[in-house]
C-alpha atoms as a PDB file:
ATOM      1  CA  MET A   1      14.113  53.304 -20.766  1.00  0.00           C
ATOM      2  CA  HIS A   2      16.389  51.784 -18.131  1.00  0.00           C
ATOM      3  CA  LYS A   3      19.824  50.457 -18.904  1.00  0.00           C
ATOM      4  CA  PRO A   4      19.865  46.763 -19.817  1.00  0.00           C
ATOM      5  CA  GLN A   5      20.438  44.280 -17.045  1.00  0.00           C
ATOM      6  CA  THR A   6      23.910  42.858 -16.469  1.00  0.00           C
ATOM      7  CA  SER A   7      25.332  40.730 -19.274  1.00  0.00           C
ATOM      8  CA  ASN A   8      25.409  37.562 -17.175  1.00  0.00           C
ATOM      9  CA  SER A   9      21.637  37.575 -16.617  1.00  0.00           C
ATOM     10  CA  LYS A  10      19.698  35.158 -18.802  1.00  0.00           C
ATOM     11  CA  ALA A  11      16.956  36.255 -21.173  1.00  0.00           C
ATOM     12  CA  PRO A  12      13.462  35.837 -19.658  1.00  0.00           C
ATOM     13  CA  ILE A  13      12.062  32.937 -21.674  1.00  0.00           C
ATOM     14  CA  ARG A  14       8.391  33.511 -20.880  1.00  0.00           C
ATOM     15  CA  ALA A  15       8.800  37.152 -21.853  1.00  0.00           C
ATOM     16  CA  LEU A  16      10.259  36.112 -25.212  1.00  0.00           C
ATOM     17  CA  TRP A  17       7.195  33.986 -25.973  1.00  0.00           C
ATOM     18  CA  ALA A  18       4.920  36.872 -24.954  1.00  0.00           C
ATOM     19  CA  PHE A  19       6.832  39.303 -27.173  1.00  0.00           C
ATOM     20  CA  GLU A  20       6.779  37.001 -30.198  1.00  0.00           C
ATOM     21  CA  ALA A  21       3.028  36.422 -29.919  1.00  0.00           C
ATOM     22  CA  THR A  22       2.292  40.131 -29.385  1.00  0.00           C
ATOM     23  CA  ALA A  23       4.464  41.219 -32.298  1.00  0.00           C
ATOM     24  CA  ARG A  24       2.918  38.606 -34.586  1.00  0.00           C
ATOM     25  CA  LEU A  25      -0.692  39.303 -33.578  1.00  0.00           C
ATOM     26  CA  GLY A  26      -0.422  43.032 -32.874  1.00  0.00           C
ATOM     27  CA  SER A  27      -2.402  42.925 -29.651  1.00  0.00           C
ATOM     28  CA  PHE A  28      -1.859  42.116 -25.968  1.00  0.00           C
ATOM     29  CA  LYS A  29      -5.396  40.749 -25.817  1.00  0.00           C
ATOM     30  CA  VAL A  30      -5.103  38.380 -28.784  1.00  0.00           C
ATOM     31  CA  ALA A  31      -1.646  37.265 -27.674  1.00  0.00           C
ATOM     32  CA  ALA A  32      -3.043  36.537 -24.215  1.00  0.00           C
ATOM     33  CA  GLU A  33      -5.760  34.353 -25.736  1.00  0.00           C
ATOM     34  CA  GLU A  34      -3.186  32.321 -27.642  1.00  0.00           C
ATOM     35  CA  LEU A  35      -0.943  31.968 -24.591  1.00  0.00           C
ATOM     36  CA  ASN A  36      -3.900  31.259 -22.279  1.00  0.00           C
ATOM     37  CA  VAL A  37      -3.019  34.091 -19.860  1.00  0.00           C
ATOM     38  CA  THR A  38      -4.450  37.533 -19.123  1.00  0.00           C
ATOM     39  CA  PRO A  39      -3.601  40.649 -21.173  1.00  0.00           C
ATOM     40  CA  GLY A  40      -2.129  42.133 -18.007  1.00  0.00           C
ATOM     41  CA  ALA A  41       0.253  39.185 -17.686  1.00  0.00           C
ATOM     42  CA  VAL A  42       1.402  39.655 -21.284  1.00  0.00           C
ATOM     43  CA  SER A  43       1.939  43.370 -20.683  1.00  0.00           C
ATOM     44  CA  GLN A  44       4.034  42.618 -17.617  1.00  0.00           C
ATOM     45  CA  GLN A  45       6.168  40.133 -19.555  1.00  0.00           C
ATOM     46  CA  ILE A  46       6.769  42.714 -22.298  1.00  0.00           C
ATOM     47  CA  LYS A  47       7.803  45.266 -19.691  1.00  0.00           C
ATOM     48  CA  LYS A  48      10.157  42.709 -18.136  1.00  0.00           C
ATOM     49  CA  LEU A  49      11.796  42.030 -21.509  1.00  0.00           C
ATOM     50  CA  GLU A  50      12.104  45.751 -22.252  1.00  0.00           C
ATOM     51  CA  GLU A  51      13.904  46.238 -18.943  1.00  0.00           C
ATOM     52  CA  TRP A  52      16.225  43.322 -19.727  1.00  0.00           C
ATOM     53  CA  LEU A  53      16.997  44.645 -23.225  1.00  0.00           C
ATOM     54  CA  GLY A  54      17.202  48.298 -22.294  1.00  0.00           C
ATOM     55  CA  TYR A  55      14.903  49.626 -25.025  1.00  0.00           C
ATOM     56  CA  ALA A  56      11.209  49.823 -25.928  1.00  0.00           C
ATOM     57  CA  LEU A  57       9.638  47.041 -27.972  1.00  0.00           C
ATOM     58  CA  PHE A  58       6.361  48.738 -28.849  1.00  0.00           C
ATOM     59  CA  GLU A  59       4.906  52.192 -29.241  1.00  0.00           C
ATOM     60  CA  ARG A  60       1.638  52.285 -27.325  1.00  0.00           C
ATOM     61  CA  ARG A  61      -0.809  54.217 -29.484  1.00  0.00           C
ATOM     62  CA  THR A  62      -4.557  54.591 -29.110  1.00  0.00           C
ATOM     63  CA  ARG A  63      -6.073  51.152 -29.798  1.00  0.00           C
ATOM     64  CA  LYS A  64      -2.906  50.064 -31.576  1.00  0.00           C
ATOM     65  CA  LEU A  65       0.502  48.599 -30.860  1.00  0.00           C
ATOM     66  CA  VAL A  66       3.345  49.445 -33.217  1.00  0.00           C
ATOM     67  CA  ILE A  67       6.547  47.445 -33.007  1.00  0.00           C
ATOM     68  CA  THR A  68       9.682  49.610 -32.827  1.00  0.00           C
ATOM     69  CA  GLU A  69      12.412  49.434 -35.441  1.00  0.00           C
ATOM     70  CA  ALA A  70      14.868  47.999 -32.919  1.00  0.00           C
ATOM     71  CA  ALA A  71      12.400  45.271 -31.950  1.00  0.00           C
ATOM     72  CA  GLN A  72      11.603  44.326 -35.549  1.00  0.00           C
ATOM     73  CA  ALA A  73      14.981  42.675 -36.120  1.00  0.00           C
ATOM     74  CA  LEU A  74      14.665  40.827 -32.805  1.00  0.00           C
ATOM     75  CA  TYR A  75      11.204  39.583 -33.776  1.00  0.00           C
ATOM     76  CA  GLN A  76      12.381  38.167 -37.125  1.00  0.00           C
ATOM     77  CA  GLU A  77      15.129  36.070 -35.539  1.00  0.00           C
ATOM     78  CA  LEU A  78      13.139  35.164 -32.465  1.00  0.00           C
ATOM     79  CA  SER A  79      10.134  33.972 -34.458  1.00  0.00           C
ATOM     80  CA  ASP A  80      12.252  31.493 -36.420  1.00  0.00           C
ATOM     81  CA  SER A  81      14.082  30.323 -33.299  1.00  0.00           C
ATOM     82  CA  LEU A  82      10.926  29.737 -31.254  1.00  0.00           C
ATOM     83  CA  SER A  83       9.317  27.941 -34.185  1.00  0.00           C
ATOM     84  CA  ASN A  84      12.303  25.602 -34.408  1.00  0.00           C
ATOM     85  CA  LEU A  85      12.250  25.062 -30.637  1.00  0.00           C
ATOM     86  CA  ASP A  86       8.546  24.238 -30.743  1.00  0.00           C
ATOM     87  CA  GLN A  87       9.075  21.734 -33.552  1.00  0.00           C
ATOM     88  CA  ILE A  88      11.870  20.014 -31.636  1.00  0.00           C
ATOM     89  CA  CYS A  89       9.714  19.701 -28.515  1.00  0.00           C
ATOM     90  CA  GLN A  90       6.713  18.485 -30.509  1.00  0.00           C
ATOM     91  CA  ARG A  91       8.787  15.695 -32.075  1.00  0.00           C
ATOM     92  CA  TYR A  92       9.626  14.330 -28.624  1.00  0.00           C
ATOM     93  CA  ARG A  93       6.178  14.822 -27.167  1.00  0.00           C
ATOM     94  CA  ALA A  94       4.414  11.584 -26.302  1.00  0.00           C
ATOM     95  CA  GLY A  95       1.373  10.994 -28.449  1.00  0.00           C
ATOM     96  CA  ALA A  96       2.040  14.005 -30.667  1.00  0.00           C
ATOM     97  CA  SER A  97      -0.242  14.081 -33.693  1.00  0.00           C
ATOM     98  CA  THR A  98       1.271  13.365 -37.092  1.00  0.00           C
ATOM     99  CA  ASP A  99      -1.955  14.205 -38.942  1.00  0.00           C
ATOM    100  CA  VAL A 100      -2.046  17.052 -41.455  1.00  0.00           C
ATOM    101  CA  SER A 101      -5.274  18.435 -42.873  1.00  0.00           C
ATOM    102  CA  VAL A 102      -5.275  20.666 -45.947  1.00  0.00           C
ATOM    103  CA  SER A 103      -8.203  22.147 -47.861  1.00  0.00           C
ATOM    104  CA  MET A 104      -8.263  22.990 -51.573  1.00  0.00           C
ATOM    105  CA  SER A 105     -10.560  22.952 -54.566  1.00  0.00           C
ATOM    106  CA  THR A 106     -11.581  19.622 -56.036  1.00  0.00           C
ATOM    107  CA  SER A 107      -9.754  20.500 -59.249  1.00  0.00           C
ATOM    108  CA  MET A 108      -6.527  21.359 -57.436  1.00  0.00           C
ATOM    109  CA  ALA A 109      -6.699  18.143 -55.420  1.00  0.00           C
ATOM    110  CA  ALA A 110      -7.360  15.970 -58.476  1.00  0.00           C
ATOM    111  CA  LYS A 111      -5.208  17.661 -61.108  1.00  0.00           C
ATOM    112  CA  TRP A 112      -2.168  18.845 -59.139  1.00  0.00           C
ATOM    113  CA  LEU A 113      -1.880  17.312 -55.674  1.00  0.00           C
ATOM    114  CA  ALA A 114      -2.995  13.722 -56.222  1.00  0.00           C
ATOM    115  CA  PRO A 115      -0.343  12.938 -58.879  1.00  0.00           C
ATOM    116  CA  ARG A 116       2.402  14.303 -56.583  1.00  0.00           C
ATOM    117  CA  LEU A 117       1.285  13.244 -53.121  1.00  0.00           C
ATOM    118  CA  ALA A 118       3.203   9.966 -53.286  1.00  0.00           C
ATOM    119  CA  ASP A 119       6.437  11.981 -53.364  1.00  0.00           C
ATOM    120  CA  PHE A 120       5.651  13.466 -49.961  1.00  0.00           C
ATOM    121  CA  MET A 121       4.570  10.119 -48.521  1.00  0.00           C
ATOM    122  CA  ILE A 122       7.904   8.579 -49.551  1.00  0.00           C
ATOM    123  CA  LEU A 123       9.757  11.374 -47.740  1.00  0.00           C
ATOM    124  CA  HIS A 124       7.522  11.275 -44.647  1.00  0.00           C
ATOM    125  CA  PRO A 125       5.704   7.931 -44.322  1.00  0.00           C
ATOM    126  CA  GLU A 126       5.012   8.692 -40.653  1.00  0.00           C
ATOM    127  CA  ILE A 127       2.696  11.616 -41.521  1.00  0.00           C
ATOM    128  CA  ASN A 128      -0.995  11.091 -42.262  1.00  0.00           C
ATOM    129  CA  VAL A 129      -2.352  13.575 -44.828  1.00  0.00           C
ATOM    130  CA  ARG A 130      -6.061  14.390 -44.930  1.00  0.00           C
ATOM    131  CA  ILE A 131      -7.303  16.227 -48.032  1.00  0.00           C
ATOM    132  CA  ASN A 132     -10.466  18.318 -47.765  1.00  0.00           C
ATOM    133  CA  ALA A 133     -11.448  18.778 -51.433  1.00  0.00           C
ATOM    134  CA  THR A 134     -14.102  21.469 -51.666  1.00  0.00           C
ATOM    135  CA  ASN A 135     -14.856  24.631 -53.638  1.00  0.00           C
ATOM    136  CA  ASP A 136     -16.090  26.299 -50.434  1.00  0.00           C
ATOM    137  CA  VAL A 137     -13.766  28.749 -48.689  1.00  0.00           C
ATOM    138  CA  VAL A 138     -12.502  27.101 -45.516  1.00  0.00           C
ATOM    139  CA  ASP A 139     -13.430  28.663 -42.169  1.00  0.00           C
ATOM    140  CA  PHE A 140     -10.450  28.034 -39.903  1.00  0.00           C
ATOM    141  CA  ARG A 141     -12.533  28.897 -36.838  1.00  0.00           C
ATOM    142  CA  LYS A 142     -14.914  26.002 -37.478  1.00  0.00           C
ATOM    143  CA  ASP A 143     -13.210  23.561 -39.845  1.00  0.00           C
ATOM    144  CA  LYS A 144     -10.505  21.269 -38.509  1.00  0.00           C
ATOM    145  CA  VAL A 145      -7.965  22.231 -41.155  1.00  0.00           C
ATOM    146  CA  ASP A 146      -4.307  23.163 -40.734  1.00  0.00           C
ATOM    147  CA  MET A 147      -3.917  25.053 -44.003  1.00  0.00           C
ATOM    148  CA  ALA A 148      -5.533  25.621 -47.381  1.00  0.00           C
ATOM    149  CA  ILE A 149      -4.535  26.299 -50.965  1.00  0.00           C
ATOM    150  CA  ARG A 150      -6.696  29.173 -52.119  1.00  0.00           C
ATOM    151  CA  TYR A 151      -7.065  30.802 -55.536  1.00  0.00           C
ATOM    152  CA  PHE A 152      -7.468  34.542 -54.939  1.00  0.00           C
ATOM    153  CA  ASP A 153      -5.612  37.882 -54.837  1.00  0.00           C
ATOM    154  CA  GLY A 154      -3.726  37.139 -51.624  1.00  0.00           C
ATOM    155  CA  GLN A 155      -5.514  39.762 -49.546  1.00  0.00           C
ATOM    156  CA  ALA A 156      -6.963  38.213 -46.391  1.00  0.00           C
ATOM    157  CA  LYS A 157      -7.252  39.532 -42.868  1.00  0.00           C
ATOM    158  CA  ASP A 158      -5.882  37.366 -40.058  1.00  0.00           C
ATOM    159  CA  LEU A 159      -4.280  34.844 -42.445  1.00  0.00           C
ATOM    160  CA  ASN A 160      -0.710  34.039 -43.332  1.00  0.00           C
ATOM    161  CA  CYS A 161      -0.627  34.064 -47.147  1.00  0.00           C
ATOM    162  CA  GLN A 162       2.297  32.473 -48.981  1.00  0.00           C
ATOM    163  CA  LEU A 163       2.229  32.862 -52.756  1.00  0.00           C
ATOM    164  CA  LEU A 164       2.744  29.489 -54.398  1.00  0.00           C
ATOM    165  CA  CYS A 165       2.222  30.414 -58.034  1.00  0.00           C
ATOM    166  CA  GLU A 166       0.904  33.418 -59.947  1.00  0.00           C
ATOM    167  CA  ASP A 167      -1.891  32.579 -62.364  1.00  0.00           C
ATOM    168  CA  GLU A 168      -1.571  33.019 -66.111  1.00  0.00           C
ATOM    169  CA  VAL A 169      -4.644  32.107 -68.165  1.00  0.00           C
ATOM    170  CA  MET A 170      -3.955  30.116 -71.325  1.00  0.00           C
ATOM    171  CA  VAL A 171      -6.011  28.573 -74.121  1.00  0.00           C
ATOM    172  CA  VAL A 172      -5.848  24.773 -74.359  1.00  0.00           C
ATOM    173  CA  CYS A 173      -7.401  22.076 -76.519  1.00  0.00           C
ATOM    174  CA  SER A 174      -6.582  18.600 -77.790  1.00  0.00           C
ATOM    175  CA  PRO A 175      -4.238  18.218 -80.801  1.00  0.00           C
ATOM    176  CA  SER A 176      -7.062  16.593 -82.774  1.00  0.00           C
ATOM    177  CA  TYR A 177      -9.422  19.498 -82.083  1.00  0.00           C
ATOM    178  CA  GLN A 178      -6.838  22.043 -83.185  1.00  0.00           C
ATOM    179  CA  ALA A 179      -6.320  20.136 -86.430  1.00  0.00           C
ATOM    180  CA  LYS A 180     -10.077  19.927 -87.058  1.00  0.00           C
ATOM    181  CA  ALA A 181     -10.716  23.601 -86.263  1.00  0.00           C
ATOM    182  CA  GLN A 182      -7.434  24.720 -87.869  1.00  0.00           C
ATOM    183  CA  LEU A 183      -7.027  26.985 -84.852  1.00  0.00           C
ATOM    184  CA  GLY A 184      -3.988  29.240 -85.035  1.00  0.00           C
ATOM    185  CA  GLN A 185      -5.365  32.772 -84.802  1.00  0.00           C
ATOM    186  CA  ILE A 186      -7.595  34.462 -82.203  1.00  0.00           C
ATOM    187  CA  GLU A 187     -10.198  35.297 -84.865  1.00  0.00           C
ATOM    188  CA  GLN A 188     -10.703  31.574 -85.514  1.00  0.00           C
ATOM    189  CA  LEU A 189     -12.167  31.124 -82.022  1.00  0.00           C
ATOM    190  CA  ASN A 190     -15.473  32.102 -83.663  1.00  0.00           C
ATOM    191  CA  GLN A 191     -15.431  28.688 -85.304  1.00  0.00           C
ATOM    192  CA  THR A 192     -14.899  26.691 -82.113  1.00  0.00           C
ATOM    193  CA  THR A 193     -16.891  25.417 -79.174  1.00  0.00           C
ATOM    194  CA  LEU A 194     -15.801  27.408 -76.127  1.00  0.00           C
ATOM    195  CA  ILE A 195     -15.733  25.663 -72.761  1.00  0.00           C
ATOM    196  CA  GLU A 196     -16.271  27.987 -69.805  1.00  0.00           C
ATOM    197  CA  ILE A 197     -15.678  27.474 -66.082  1.00  0.00           C
ATOM    198  CA  SER A 198     -17.845  29.330 -63.580  1.00  0.00           C
ATOM    199  CA  LEU A 199     -15.082  29.772 -60.977  1.00  0.00           C
ATOM    200  CA  TYR A 200     -12.372  30.891 -63.390  1.00  0.00           C
ATOM    201  CA  PRO A 201     -11.789  33.946 -65.654  1.00  0.00           C
ATOM    202  CA  ASP A 202     -14.149  33.734 -68.622  1.00  0.00           C
ATOM    203  CA  TRP A 203     -13.585  34.120 -72.339  1.00  0.00           C
ATOM    204  CA  ASN A 204     -14.614  37.785 -72.355  1.00  0.00           C
ATOM    205  CA  PHE A 205     -11.822  38.491 -69.837  1.00  0.00           C
ATOM    206  CA  TRP A 206      -9.204  36.628 -71.846  1.00  0.00           C
ATOM    207  CA  LEU A 207     -10.206  38.164 -75.191  1.00  0.00           C
ATOM    208  CA  SER A 208     -10.242  41.672 -73.727  1.00  0.00           C
ATOM    209  CA  LYS A 209      -6.816  41.329 -72.123  1.00  0.00           C
ATOM    210  CA  ALA A 210      -5.437  39.713 -75.301  1.00  0.00           C
ATOM    211  CA  GLY A 211      -6.514  42.807 -77.260  1.00  0.00           C
ATOM    212  CA  ALA A 212      -8.870  40.848 -79.486  1.00  0.00           C
ATOM    213  CA  SER A 213     -11.801  42.543 -81.208  1.00  0.00           C
ATOM    214  CA  VAL A 214     -13.526  39.264 -81.992  1.00  0.00           C
ATOM    215  CA  HIS A 215     -16.860  38.421 -80.338  1.00  0.00           C
ATOM    216  CA  CYS A 216     -17.282  34.681 -80.022  1.00  0.00           C
ATOM    217  CA  ARG A 217     -20.665  33.559 -81.276  1.00  0.00           C
ATOM    218  CA  GLY A 218     -20.087  29.833 -81.374  1.00  0.00           C
ATOM    219  CA  PRO A 219     -21.638  27.239 -79.055  1.00  0.00           C
ATOM    220  CA  LYS A 220     -20.478  27.020 -75.454  1.00  0.00           C
ATOM    221  CA  LEU A 221     -20.201  24.373 -72.773  1.00  0.00           C
ATOM    222  CA  TYR A 222     -20.344  25.416 -69.122  1.00  0.00           C
ATOM    223  CA  PHE A 223     -18.794  23.579 -66.168  1.00  0.00           C
ATOM    224  CA  ASP A 224     -18.497  24.515 -62.507  1.00  0.00           C
ATOM    225  CA  GLN A 225     -15.105  22.842 -62.052  1.00  0.00           C
ATOM    226  CA  SER A 226     -11.854  23.128 -63.981  1.00  0.00           C
ATOM    227  CA  LEU A 227     -11.178  19.384 -63.930  1.00  0.00           C
ATOM    228  CA  LEU A 228     -14.394  18.766 -65.891  1.00  0.00           C
ATOM    229  CA  ALA A 229     -13.562  21.438 -68.447  1.00  0.00           C
ATOM    230  CA  ILE A 230     -10.051  20.028 -68.876  1.00  0.00           C
ATOM    231  CA  GLU A 231     -11.456  16.527 -69.338  1.00  0.00           C
ATOM    232  CA  ALA A 232     -13.896  17.774 -71.977  1.00  0.00           C
ATOM    233  CA  ALA A 233     -11.087  19.578 -73.813  1.00  0.00           C
ATOM    234  CA  LYS A 234      -8.916  16.440 -73.702  1.00  0.00           C
ATOM    235  CA  ARG A 235     -11.705  14.523 -75.410  1.00  0.00           C
ATOM    236  CA  GLY A 236     -11.911  17.020 -78.259  1.00  0.00           C
ATOM    237  CA  GLN A 237     -15.145  18.712 -77.222  1.00  0.00           C
ATOM    238  CA  GLY A 238     -13.844  22.265 -77.534  1.00  0.00           C
ATOM    239  CA  VAL A 239     -11.378  24.888 -76.341  1.00  0.00           C
ATOM    240  CA  THR A 240     -11.059  25.929 -72.706  1.00  0.00           C
ATOM    241  CA  LEU A 241      -9.091  28.299 -70.484  1.00  0.00           C
ATOM    242  CA  SER A 242      -6.685  26.810 -67.971  1.00  0.00           C
ATOM    243  CA  ASN A 243      -3.232  27.365 -66.486  1.00  0.00           C
ATOM    244  CA  LYS A 244       0.094  25.619 -66.059  1.00  0.00           C
ATOM    245  CA  VAL A 245      -0.882  24.274 -62.623  1.00  0.00           C
ATOM    246  CA  LEU A 246      -4.117  22.464 -63.426  1.00  0.00           C
ATOM    247  CA  SER A 247      -3.056  21.386 -66.929  1.00  0.00           C
ATOM    248  CA  ALA A 248       0.544  20.478 -66.094  1.00  0.00           C
ATOM    249  CA  GLU A 249       0.175  16.743 -66.697  1.00  0.00           C
ATOM    250  CA  GLU A 250      -1.784  17.114 -69.935  1.00  0.00           C
ATOM    251  CA  LEU A 251       0.601  19.715 -71.372  1.00  0.00           C
ATOM    252  CA  SER A 252       3.519  17.471 -70.460  1.00  0.00           C
ATOM    253  CA  ASN A 253       2.120  14.300 -72.062  1.00  0.00           C
ATOM    254  CA  GLY A 254       0.675  16.093 -75.089  1.00  0.00           C
ATOM    255  CA  THR A 255      -3.007  15.353 -74.549  1.00  0.00           C
ATOM    256  CA  LEU A 256      -3.520  19.133 -74.380  1.00  0.00           C
ATOM    257  CA  ILE A 257      -1.696  21.831 -76.318  1.00  0.00           C
ATOM    258  CA  GLU A 258      -1.682  25.641 -76.488  1.00  0.00           C
ATOM    259  CA  PRO A 259      -3.033  26.545 -79.934  1.00  0.00           C
ATOM    260  CA  LEU A 260      -2.634  30.261 -79.180  1.00  0.00           C
ATOM    261  CA  PRO A 261       0.634  31.090 -77.362  1.00  0.00           C
ATOM    262  CA  ILE A 262      -0.840  33.953 -75.355  1.00  0.00           C
ATOM    263  CA  ARG A 263      -0.873  33.809 -71.553  1.00  0.00           C
ATOM    264  CA  ILE A 264      -2.809  36.479 -69.659  1.00  0.00           C
ATOM    265  CA  PRO A 265      -2.117  37.253 -65.954  1.00  0.00           C
ATOM    266  CA  SER A 266      -5.395  37.003 -64.064  1.00  0.00           C
ATOM    267  CA  GLY A 267      -4.282  39.172 -61.151  1.00  0.00           C
ATOM    268  CA  LYS A 268      -4.765  36.190 -58.854  1.00  0.00           C
ATOM    269  CA  GLY A 269      -2.711  33.209 -57.818  1.00  0.00           C
ATOM    270  CA  TYR A 270      -2.539  30.094 -55.694  1.00  0.00           C
ATOM    271  CA  TYR A 271      -1.752  30.903 -52.083  1.00  0.00           C
ATOM    272  CA  LEU A 272      -1.026  28.681 -49.114  1.00  0.00           C
ATOM    273  CA  VAL A 273      -3.006  30.156 -46.231  1.00  0.00           C
ATOM    274  CA  SER A 274      -3.174  29.433 -42.518  1.00  0.00           C
ATOM    275  CA  PRO A 275      -4.416  31.318 -39.433  1.00  0.00           C
ATOM    276  CA  GLN A 276      -2.041  33.961 -38.079  1.00  0.00           C
ATOM    277  CA  ASN A 277      -2.964  33.103 -34.514  1.00  0.00           C
ATOM    278  CA  ARG A 278      -2.138  29.403 -34.818  1.00  0.00           C
ATOM    279  CA  ARG A 279       1.265  27.811 -35.236  1.00  0.00           C
ATOM    280  CA  LEU A 280       1.598  24.939 -37.667  1.00  0.00           C
ATOM    281  CA  SER A 281       2.436  21.614 -36.065  1.00  0.00           C
ATOM    282  CA  PRO A 282       5.810  20.094 -37.027  1.00  0.00           C
ATOM    283  CA  SER A 283       4.042  17.720 -39.419  1.00  0.00           C
ATOM    284  CA  ALA A 284       2.033  20.533 -40.985  1.00  0.00           C
ATOM    285  CA  LYS A 285       5.188  22.632 -41.328  1.00  0.00           C
ATOM    286  CA  LEU A 286       6.905  19.789 -43.198  1.00  0.00           C
ATOM    287  CA  PHE A 287       3.926  19.506 -45.540  1.00  0.00           C
ATOM    288  CA  SER A 288       3.826  23.275 -46.018  1.00  0.00           C
ATOM    289  CA  ASP A 289       7.527  23.367 -46.919  1.00  0.00           C
ATOM    290  CA  TRP A 290       7.043  20.489 -49.368  1.00  0.00           C
ATOM    291  CA  LEU A 291       4.149  22.302 -51.065  1.00  0.00           C
ATOM    292  CA  ILE A 292       6.202  25.475 -51.484  1.00  0.00           C
ATOM    293  CA  THR A 293       9.148  23.540 -52.920  1.00  0.00           C
ATOM    294  CA  SER A 294       6.920  21.523 -55.270  1.00  0.00           C
ATOM    295  CA  PHE A 295       5.187  24.615 -56.654  1.00  0.00           C
ATOM    296  CA  SER A 296       8.557  26.277 -57.262  1.00  0.00           C
ATOM    297  CA  LYS A 297       9.327  23.511 -59.786  1.00  0.00           C
ATOM    298  CA  ILE A 298       6.318  24.266 -62.003  1.00  0.00           C
END
């Protein structure tokens, strides 16, 4: 590698953008698509930056680019700096969109986001928030969505995944139902109506992980959404499985309680996801930061 250029020469700005995109996406071709140039142009910009810096940024391997150790530190600082620069420019751009679109399950939207959304609107009244409440997994290539809150294990190709909250499965019921069923031991679940949710860990999972030998033979209610199961439990119709996110309000106001103080990690969590090849707009970044801060308070 050549010696770096003289200290009074300025950093090539276009080359910095090309490097950041290539390092983030791991490909000249994909970076070129994002930057709306040819892969050859990206490669030339990388070479220009390498000559300016005086060291290699990538190891060119067969069908793979590997960022060098020296370039890794540069990428971390540069990524934050370019993101801040982009946000500044977007704020002063005429006609810039202030809309934010976020997808999540119906239960998450109703039980967690809706009661808190006013807090964000007070902080940022200029931002319009569009909620896409659906149990379908969002397709960022087709759906016009900036980000999504997804309940899964956090493993997803081509997505930025920020853990918001790890999931711990707990037993909940109304105070009146606990008193009627005299529920205080796992074995007494045999005497209760169990409420199950199709998209959430079931009772067999919870009992197995809790080390219980009991096999529940009582009646069951089945729902396809957590918010319905929580509502049924609130009204004294049985015992259900939930977590501190979806049942936060009910546990706080006492309409639901934990009759069995055993919480079982599900191995999943709530993640904020967005496409790796698409930068969040300034408005979306503000909403993303607010979500992360709000979940940290649970």
